[in-house]
Amino acid sequence: MTPPPPRPGDRVVVRRLLPSGQASDVIGTLVSDGEPLVVERGGDRITVSRSDIVAYKTVPPKPVRASEIRSLDLARARSWWSVEREWIDGWLCRAAPGIAGNRATCAAPLHPDASLEHLDGVRAWYAARGLPVHLTLSDRLLRGTRELSPVTTPTDVLVAPSGGPEPEGTVELADVPSAAWLALTGTNAALVTSVDGRARFASVPGPDGAPIAAGRLALTADAAGTVWGRLGSMAVAPEHRRRGLASRLVRALRAEAGRAGADKVFLEVTHANAGAQALYRGLGFAPHHSYRYWTAP
């Protein structure tokens, strides 16, 4: 059976002929499978004319180190800083009493000293707020997570280069979310404006000027000080779906992240959301790692 051709977001190897007649391999993430191919490698984008290609195939993803997962998880946490937060025994505890949402109220093991054996301080912190201990657990960071059950909401963190061409069509950017933006995305102002960095709010205006599609960009730093752009709170009004508005928003936010100094962007999509998985991978996003939630009994 012939394997399917590579698609944007896949890690690929492209063997091409150089002007000298010698062959050279390009290994990286496929950004565009048009003419020419565009492959991202080490932050650089390499174009390869199809007429120069000798061989072209998908290769297994490059392994991600645990330290890289923890570093990006810090940028993720800073982009959704919540209402209250405190570091306890290597865990970043966040809480937003009275506001729904997994990310708003959970503890993340963002320091190497964090462990499941030292949760007394975390339990006390949440108990003081009348909340259960709700943990977000990324792959390969902690021993003992495989034995926890039930874990819920398995989610992928997908990454892609920032920048790229500006989208066709209007996308408006603001530093503060409007009431209409909050209503369309179904988010809480206290959460979407809470960021250890900077947030930008994108809208596609409809005929009456009200947003018919919206999304959020948060610019935050990881443990190494590298700036990332987080894309999230994506929403399109039901009557305007399947018109390419989500793709337009993603392109606009990636371009804005590049202008703001971020080399890469990331977003989160649950395993169950097949439509969003296909959309984002088709736009060049590749898996970085996955995480789940667990609530202590």
Foldseek 3Di string as FASTA:
>chain_A
DDDDADFFQFWKWWWFADPVRDIDIDTAGFQDVDAFTWGDDPLDIDTDGPVGTPDMGGDDDDDFDLLNVLQVVVQVCQQQVADDWDDDQQKIAAADPPDDDLSRGAIENNGLRDAPVPCPVVQVVQVVVVHFHKYKFWPPRYPPPVVDPDWDFKKFKWKAFFADDAFPADKDKDQADDPLQCVQLVDDRRRNCRGPAGKMKIFHADPVGRGQWIWMWGWGGTPVRAIEIEIDSTGGHPVPPPPCPSVNVVNNSSNVCVVVRHGMYIYMDTPPCVVVVVVVSNSRIYTDTIITMDTDD
